[in-house]
Amino acid sequence: MAALLALVLFLAAPVGRYLIRAAWEEGMILRHRRPIADVVASPATDARTRGKLRLVLAARAFAADSVRLRAGESFTTFSPLAHDTLVLVLSGAFRDRLKPYTWWFPVVGRVPYKGFFDFAAAKEAARTLDRRGYDVYLRPSPAFSTLGWFNDPLLSTSLREDSLDLANTVIHELTHNTFYAPGQAVFNESFANFVGSRGAAWFFRSRGDSAAAAKVDARWADERVIGAFYSGVYHALDSAFKARPGEDAAARADRLRARDTIYARARRFLADSVAPALHAGPLPRRWAERVKLDNAAVLARRIYLTDLQLFDAVYDAEGRDLRRTIARVIALAKSRPKDPYGAVREWVERGTGDAGRGTR
């Protein structure tokens, strides 16, 4: 009886209601899925959709057979959605500290973002955080992973991506199926970003499409450049905030003035130096001048872009063998669950004397 009462109270709480809504939406997605092979074979499927679905099946098979990710039955089915956005993802952060607002969920622990199927609820949650004095960053997402709990279908929202990003997305999400460190969202997403990019380039090379592989590599190089930009902003803010301690109004105002100066300087650098020099093609200056820059946006971006060079350092040390790299990184992360980046960094800094011999 006590266990039943606890369950009822949990489901009545905000996190319980949120999980019920998420479970309902996931159920609807799963209910409407069809085997991708059937969609490809259907004469009602247009040529563009058919080509992208075939690419998904090929990328999935490559991820399972060559990269050796845990694919299960993920991305063998297709679910159409009635709208262009799957979820809105909300991030928040303290305005005078580099500290994210976090949410707790069963199994995965605390995470610095929250996805909403209910867009009105997402916007209201964003307004609530803003009223409470946090920086707020709300953005759309076309896909997500259930971390292997369900056989994730491909969603129609993902078909808006080009072939390069589509292959990357499949491999990225299957990385989450393979390994996900509880409470380590930044590590998980940045690692999956690395595997998705390096895996997609390998996939296209295996098909003899060196031009596509080169474009994927160029996009990955840009990810590292943009990651380095956000890292520089992050460390500048961190130094400025630490140099102005105190919880009184004057100290907080001093931190906010320093923050404004750093962001103004960062925006000029982004527009003048970063955007024009990207490998896959320069971003327009108007993007650099308008892109959101505040603590919530910086922390949200860094979820996917933190210390990407570390994963490449392991990749180089393992003879640019992606399978061995994945196994090595996972083993290191498991050896220090509360500080996976520290474990990887120490291995790299030791000179990786045992690199190239694999971990399997």
Protein backbone atom coordinates (compact mmCIF):
# COMPACT_ATOMS: atom_id res chain seq x y z
CA MET A 1 0.00 0.00 0.00
CA ALA A 2 2.85 2.41 0.88
CA ALA A 3 4.52 1.72 -2.47
CA LEU A 4 1.25 2.34 -4.31
CA LEU A 5 0.71 5.61 -2.43
CA ALA A 6 4.26 6.72 -3.25
CA LEU A 7 3.65 5.95 -6.92
CA VAL A 8 0.40 7.92 -6.94
CA LEU A 9 2.12 10.91 -5.29
CA PHE A 10 5.00 10.75 -7.77
CA LEU A 11 2.66 10.66 -10.76
CA ALA A 12 0.71 13.60 -9.34
CA ALA A 13 3.88 15.70 -8.96
CA PRO A 14 5.08 17.93 -11.83
CA VAL A 15 7.82 15.50 -12.91
CA GLY A 16 5.28 12.65 -12.85
CA ARG A 17 2.80 14.58 -14.99
CA TYR A 18 5.60 15.52 -17.36
CA LEU A 19 6.66 11.87 -17.73
CA ILE A 20 3.04 10.81 -18.31
CA ARG A 21 2.77 13.34 -21.16
CA ALA A 22 6.11 12.21 -22.59
CA ALA A 23 5.01 8.57 -22.37
CA TRP A 24 1.75 9.42 -24.14
CA GLU A 25 3.57 11.23 -26.95
CA GLU A 26 6.07 8.40 -27.28
CA GLY A 27 3.16 5.97 -27.44
CA MET A 28 1.58 7.96 -30.27
CA ILE A 29 4.87 8.02 -32.15
CA LEU A 30 5.26 4.26 -31.74
CA ARG A 31 1.63 3.62 -32.64
CA HIS A 32 1.94 5.33 -36.03
CA ARG A 33 5.26 3.83 -37.06
CA ARG A 34 5.62 1.74 -40.19
CA PRO A 35 8.57 -0.36 -41.32
CA ILE A 36 10.85 1.83 -43.40
CA ALA A 37 11.18 -0.98 -45.93
CA ASP A 38 7.40 -0.84 -46.50
CA VAL A 39 7.46 2.95 -46.91
CA VAL A 40 10.33 2.65 -49.42
CA ALA A 41 8.42 0.00 -51.38
CA SER A 42 5.18 1.95 -51.45
CA PRO A 43 4.36 3.60 -54.83
CA ALA A 44 2.86 6.50 -52.83
CA THR A 45 6.31 7.47 -51.49
CA ASP A 46 7.98 10.27 -53.45
CA ALA A 47 11.49 9.78 -54.82
CA ARG A 48 13.13 12.26 -52.43
CA THR A 49 11.66 10.60 -49.34
CA ARG A 50 12.49 7.14 -50.68
CA GLY A 51 16.12 8.12 -51.22
CA LYS A 52 16.50 9.54 -47.72
CA LEU A 53 14.86 6.51 -46.11
CA ARG A 54 17.23 4.20 -47.97
CA LEU A 55 20.11 6.30 -46.70
CA VAL A 56 18.84 5.94 -43.13
CA LEU A 57 18.72 2.14 -43.45
CA ALA A 58 22.22 2.10 -44.90
CA ALA A 59 23.60 4.41 -42.19
CA ARG A 60 21.91 2.35 -39.49
CA ALA A 61 23.37 -0.90 -40.87
CA PHE A 62 26.81 0.71 -41.10
CA ALA A 63 26.56 1.96 -37.52
CA ALA A 64 25.68 -1.52 -36.30
CA ASP A 65 28.04 -3.60 -38.45
CA SER A 66 31.08 -1.35 -38.92
CA VAL A 67 31.00 1.13 -36.04
CA ARG A 68 29.49 -1.58 -33.81
CA LEU A 69 26.99 0.61 -32.08
CA ARG A 70 24.00 -0.92 -30.31
CA ALA A 71 21.29 -0.39 -32.90
CA GLY A 72 18.62 -2.84 -31.76
CA GLU A 73 15.58 -2.11 -33.91
CA SER A 74 16.01 1.66 -33.80
CA PHE A 75 15.55 3.45 -37.12
CA THR A 76 13.94 0.48 -38.83
CA THR A 77 10.54 2.17 -38.69
CA PHE A 78 9.17 5.54 -39.73
CA SER A 79 6.64 7.77 -37.96
CA PRO A 80 5.09 10.76 -39.73
CA LEU A 81 4.33 13.83 -37.64
CA ALA A 82 1.77 16.50 -38.37
CA HIS A 83 4.20 19.34 -37.62
CA ASP A 84 7.80 20.34 -38.41
CA THR A 85 9.11 20.37 -34.82
CA LEU A 86 9.15 17.36 -32.53
CA VAL A 87 9.94 19.08 -29.24
CA LEU A 88 10.97 22.45 -27.88
CA VAL A 89 14.05 22.18 -25.68
CA LEU A 90 14.40 24.59 -22.77
CA SER A 91 17.65 25.57 -21.04
CA GLY A 92 18.16 28.07 -18.26
CA ALA A 93 21.13 29.57 -16.43
CA PHE A 94 21.94 32.04 -13.66
CA ARG A 95 22.69 35.44 -15.17
CA ASP A 96 25.72 36.24 -13.01
CA ARG A 97 27.10 32.72 -12.70
CA LEU A 98 27.97 29.93 -15.12
CA LYS A 99 25.55 27.59 -13.44
CA PRO A 100 22.76 25.90 -15.40
CA TYR A 101 19.26 25.40 -14.18
CA THR A 102 18.74 21.63 -14.04
CA TRP A 103 15.87 19.17 -13.99
CA TRP A 104 15.89 15.72 -12.41
CA PHE A 105 14.49 12.62 -14.12
CA PRO A 106 14.52 8.95 -13.14
CA VAL A 107 17.38 6.86 -14.59
CA VAL A 108 19.22 9.71 -16.36
CA GLY A 109 19.63 11.91 -13.26
CA ARG A 110 19.97 15.69 -13.44
CA VAL A 111 20.10 17.26 -16.91
CA PRO A 112 20.54 20.91 -17.98
CA TYR A 113 17.65 20.89 -20.44
CA LYS A 114 14.05 19.80 -20.71
CA GLY A 115 12.15 18.80 -23.85
CA PHE A 116 8.49 19.71 -24.22
CA PHE A 117 5.98 18.11 -26.57
CA ASP A 118 3.50 20.72 -25.36
CA PHE A 119 4.78 23.93 -26.98
CA ALA A 120 2.53 26.20 -24.92
CA ALA A 121 3.88 24.59 -21.75
CA ALA A 122 7.44 25.09 -23.03
CA LYS A 123 6.86 28.80 -23.63
CA GLU A 124 5.22 29.22 -20.24
CA ALA A 125 8.11 27.41 -18.55
CA ALA A 126 10.53 29.73 -20.37
CA ARG A 127 8.58 32.80 -19.22
CA THR A 128 8.57 31.47 -15.66
CA LEU A 129 12.35 31.03 -15.65
CA ASP A 130 12.78 34.50 -17.11
CA ARG A 131 10.55 36.03 -14.43
CA ARG A 132 12.64 34.25 -11.79
CA GLY A 133 15.77 35.97 -13.08
CA TYR A 134 17.38 33.28 -15.22
CA ASP A 135 18.75 33.51 -18.75
CA VAL A 136 16.51 31.39 -20.99
CA TYR A 137 17.22 29.54 -24.25
CA LEU A 138 14.33 27.81 -26.04
CA ARG A 139 14.95 26.04 -29.33
CA PRO A 140 13.33 23.38 -31.54
CA SER A 141 14.63 19.84 -31.97
CA PRO A 142 13.65 17.38 -34.74
CA ALA A 143 14.73 14.18 -32.97
CA PHE A 144 15.60 12.55 -29.66
CA SER A 145 16.75 9.22 -28.30
CA THR A 146 15.04 7.02 -25.71
CA LEU A 147 18.51 5.60 -24.90
CA GLY A 148 17.52 2.15 -26.10
CA TRP A 149 14.41 1.85 -23.92
CA PHE A 150 12.30 1.79 -27.07
CA ASN A 151 13.07 1.05 -30.69
CA ASP A 152 13.22 4.65 -31.83
CA PRO A 153 11.59 5.24 -35.21
CA LEU A 154 12.84 7.77 -37.71
CA LEU A 155 10.59 10.81 -37.52
CA SER A 156 9.42 12.83 -40.50
CA THR A 157 10.94 15.92 -38.86
CA SER A 158 14.42 14.44 -39.43
CA LEU A 159 13.84 14.18 -43.19
CA ARG A 160 14.21 17.96 -43.42
CA GLU A 161 17.95 17.47 -42.89
CA ASP A 162 20.27 16.95 -45.84
CA SER A 163 21.82 13.52 -46.40
CA LEU A 164 25.02 14.40 -44.53
CA ASP A 165 23.24 15.53 -41.38
CA LEU A 166 20.73 12.68 -41.63
CA ALA A 167 23.48 10.04 -41.52
CA ASN A 168 25.12 11.97 -38.69
CA THR A 169 21.85 12.05 -36.72
CA VAL A 170 21.33 8.28 -37.03
CA ILE A 171 24.85 7.51 -35.80
CA HIS A 172 24.65 10.19 -33.08
CA GLU A 173 21.43 8.78 -31.64
CA LEU A 174 22.67 5.18 -31.80
CA THR A 175 25.69 6.29 -29.77
CA HIS A 176 23.26 7.16 -26.97
CA ASN A 177 21.78 3.64 -27.25
CA THR A 178 25.28 2.25 -26.83
CA PHE A 179 26.44 4.34 -23.88
CA TYR A 180 24.89 7.05 -21.71
CA ALA A 181 26.53 8.19 -18.48
CA PRO A 182 23.83 9.19 -15.94
CA GLY A 183 23.99 12.85 -14.95
CA GLN A 184 26.68 13.66 -17.56
CA ALA A 185 24.65 15.32 -20.32
CA VAL A 186 27.53 17.47 -21.61
CA PHE A 187 29.85 14.49 -21.96
CA ASN A 188 27.14 12.30 -23.52
CA GLU A 189 26.09 14.82 -26.15
CA SER A 190 29.60 15.99 -27.06
CA PHE A 191 30.79 12.38 -27.35
CA ALA A 192 27.79 11.48 -29.54
CA ASN A 193 28.50 14.58 -31.63
CA PHE A 194 32.04 13.30 -32.22
CA VAL A 195 30.90 9.76 -33.07
CA GLY A 196 28.12 11.02 -35.34
CA SER A 197 30.47 13.22 -37.32
CA ARG A 198 33.40 10.84 -37.60
CA GLY A 199 31.03 7.93 -38.22
CA ALA A 200 29.14 9.73 -40.98
CA ALA A 201 32.39 10.62 -42.77
CA TRP A 202 33.48 6.96 -42.56
CA PHE A 203 30.06 5.87 -43.83
CA PHE A 204 30.25 8.03 -46.95
CA ARG A 205 33.84 6.99 -47.65
CA SER A 206 32.77 3.34 -47.44
CA ARG A 207 30.27 4.10 -50.20
CA GLY A 208 32.93 5.70 -52.39
CA ASP A 209 31.47 9.18 -51.90
CA SER A 210 34.62 11.07 -51.00
CA ALA A 211 33.00 14.43 -51.75
CA ALA A 212 30.26 13.86 -49.17
CA ALA A 213 32.82 12.59 -46.66
CA ALA A 214 34.91 15.72 -47.17
CA LYS A 215 31.87 17.90 -46.51
CA VAL A 216 31.15 15.99 -43.29
CA ASP A 217 34.76 16.49 -42.23
CA ALA A 218 34.48 20.21 -43.00
CA ARG A 219 31.35 20.48 -40.88
CA TRP A 220 33.13 18.68 -38.04
CA ALA A 221 36.06 21.10 -38.33
CA ASP A 222 33.54 23.93 -38.02
CA GLU A 223 32.00 22.28 -34.95
CA ARG A 224 35.43 22.36 -33.35
CA VAL A 225 35.96 26.01 -34.29
CA ILE A 226 32.56 27.04 -32.94
CA GLY A 227 33.15 24.88 -29.87
CA ALA A 228 36.44 26.69 -29.28
CA PHE A 229 34.62 30.03 -29.60
CA TYR A 230 32.05 29.09 -26.96
CA SER A 231 34.80 27.66 -24.78
CA GLY A 232 36.67 30.97 -24.96
CA VAL A 233 33.53 32.89 -24.00
CA TYR A 234 32.84 30.43 -21.19
CA HIS A 235 36.34 30.77 -19.69
CA ALA A 236 36.31 34.57 -20.00
CA LEU A 237 33.01 34.70 -18.13
CA ASP A 238 34.22 32.21 -15.55
CA SER A 239 37.32 34.30 -14.81
CA ALA A 240 35.32 37.52 -14.63
CA PHE A 241 32.71 36.06 -12.29
CA LYS A 242 35.32 34.52 -9.99
CA ALA A 243 37.18 37.84 -9.84
CA ARG A 244 34.03 39.53 -8.53
CA PRO A 245 32.84 37.39 -5.59
CA GLY A 246 30.06 38.26 -3.23
CA GLU A 247 26.29 37.93 -3.04
CA ASP A 248 25.39 41.56 -2.33
CA ALA A 249 23.71 43.75 -4.95
CA ALA A 250 26.90 45.67 -5.76
CA ALA A 251 28.90 42.49 -6.47
CA ARG A 252 26.12 41.09 -8.63
CA ALA A 253 25.87 44.35 -10.58
CA ASP A 254 29.65 44.27 -11.11
CA ARG A 255 29.43 40.73 -12.49
CA LEU A 256 26.61 41.70 -14.83
CA ARG A 257 28.59 44.68 -16.19
CA ALA A 258 31.59 42.44 -16.82
CA ARG A 259 29.35 39.91 -18.54
CA ASP A 260 27.91 42.57 -20.87
CA THR A 261 31.41 43.66 -21.87
CA ILE A 262 32.49 40.08 -22.58
CA TYR A 263 29.44 39.32 -24.67
CA ALA A 264 29.82 42.53 -26.71
CA ARG A 265 33.45 41.65 -27.44
CA ALA A 266 32.53 38.03 -28.22
CA ARG A 267 29.85 39.05 -30.72
CA ARG A 268 32.32 41.23 -32.62
CA PHE A 269 34.83 38.38 -32.71
CA LEU A 270 32.15 35.95 -33.89
CA ALA A 271 31.10 38.26 -36.71
CA ASP A 272 34.58 39.44 -37.75
CA SER A 273 36.75 36.35 -37.27
CA VAL A 274 34.79 33.12 -36.69
CA ALA A 275 31.87 33.24 -39.11
CA PRO A 276 33.91 34.22 -42.23
CA ALA A 277 36.51 31.49 -41.68
CA LEU A 278 34.39 28.36 -41.32
CA HIS A 279 35.45 25.41 -43.49
CA ALA A 280 32.02 24.40 -44.78
CA GLY A 281 31.28 27.94 -45.93
CA PRO A 282 31.13 31.24 -44.07
CA LEU A 283 28.03 32.02 -42.06
CA PRO A 284 26.36 35.33 -42.91
CA ARG A 285 27.32 38.26 -40.75
CA ARG A 286 23.67 38.84 -39.88
CA TRP A 287 23.60 35.40 -38.19
CA ALA A 288 26.61 36.29 -36.07
CA GLU A 289 25.06 39.62 -35.17
CA ARG A 290 21.74 38.09 -34.11
CA VAL A 291 22.61 34.69 -32.62
CA LYS A 292 21.61 34.49 -28.98
CA LEU A 293 24.53 35.09 -26.62
CA ASP A 294 23.86 34.78 -22.91
CA ASN A 295 24.71 32.29 -20.18
CA ALA A 296 21.85 29.93 -21.06
CA ALA A 297 22.79 29.88 -24.75
CA VAL A 298 26.51 29.41 -24.05
CA LEU A 299 25.90 26.52 -21.64
CA ALA A 300 23.36 24.95 -24.00
CA ARG A 301 25.74 25.13 -26.95
CA ARG A 302 28.54 23.65 -24.88
CA ILE A 303 26.41 20.60 -24.16
CA TYR A 304 27.25 19.49 -27.71
CA LEU A 305 30.58 21.27 -28.19
CA THR A 306 32.69 20.76 -25.06
CA ASP A 307 36.32 19.63 -25.44
CA LEU A 308 35.74 18.06 -28.85
CA GLN A 309 39.51 18.09 -29.37
CA LEU A 310 39.86 15.51 -26.58
CA PHE A 311 37.84 12.95 -28.52
CA ASP A 312 39.90 13.69 -31.63
CA ALA A 313 43.08 13.24 -29.57
CA VAL A 314 41.93 9.75 -28.54
CA TYR A 315 40.94 9.09 -32.17
CA ASP A 316 44.44 10.01 -33.38
CA ALA A 317 46.07 7.97 -30.61
CA GLU A 318 43.99 4.94 -31.58
CA GLY A 319 45.22 5.12 -35.16
CA ARG A 320 42.03 6.89 -36.30
CA ASP A 321 40.13 3.68 -35.70
CA LEU A 322 36.66 4.78 -34.64
CA ARG A 323 35.68 1.44 -33.09
CA ARG A 324 38.72 1.42 -30.83
CA THR A 325 38.20 5.09 -29.99
CA ILE A 326 34.60 4.50 -28.91
CA ALA A 327 35.59 1.52 -26.79
CA ARG A 328 38.44 3.48 -25.22
CA VAL A 329 36.31 6.52 -24.37
CA ILE A 330 33.52 4.38 -22.91
CA ALA A 331 35.99 2.42 -20.79
CA LEU A 332 37.53 5.66 -19.49
CA ALA A 333 34.11 7.15 -18.75
CA LYS A 334 33.07 4.05 -16.83
CA SER A 335 36.27 4.20 -14.80
CA ARG A 336 35.29 7.62 -13.44
CA PRO A 337 31.50 8.03 -13.67
CA LYS A 338 31.43 11.42 -11.94
CA ASP A 339 34.23 12.92 -14.05
CA PRO A 340 34.41 11.24 -17.47
CA TYR A 341 36.13 14.23 -19.06
CA GLY A 342 38.82 14.09 -16.39
CA ALA A 343 39.45 10.43 -17.13
CA VAL A 344 39.76 11.06 -20.87
CA ARG A 345 41.94 14.13 -20.36
CA GLU A 346 44.35 12.30 -18.05
CA TRP A 347 44.66 9.42 -20.51
CA VAL A 348 45.49 11.85 -23.31
CA GLU A 349 47.95 13.82 -21.16
CA ARG A 350 49.75 10.64 -20.05
CA GLY A 351 50.91 10.30 -23.63
CA THR A 352 48.52 7.43 -24.38
CA GLY A 353 51.34 4.92 -24.17
CA ASP A 354 48.93 2.00 -24.55
CA ALA A 355 47.13 3.53 -27.55
CA GLY A 356 46.60 1.49 -30.67
CA ARG A 357 46.19 -1.83 -28.88
CA GLY A 358 42.46 -1.41 -28.38
CA THR A 359 40.32 -2.13 -25.36
CA ARG A 360 38.22 -5.04 -26.56
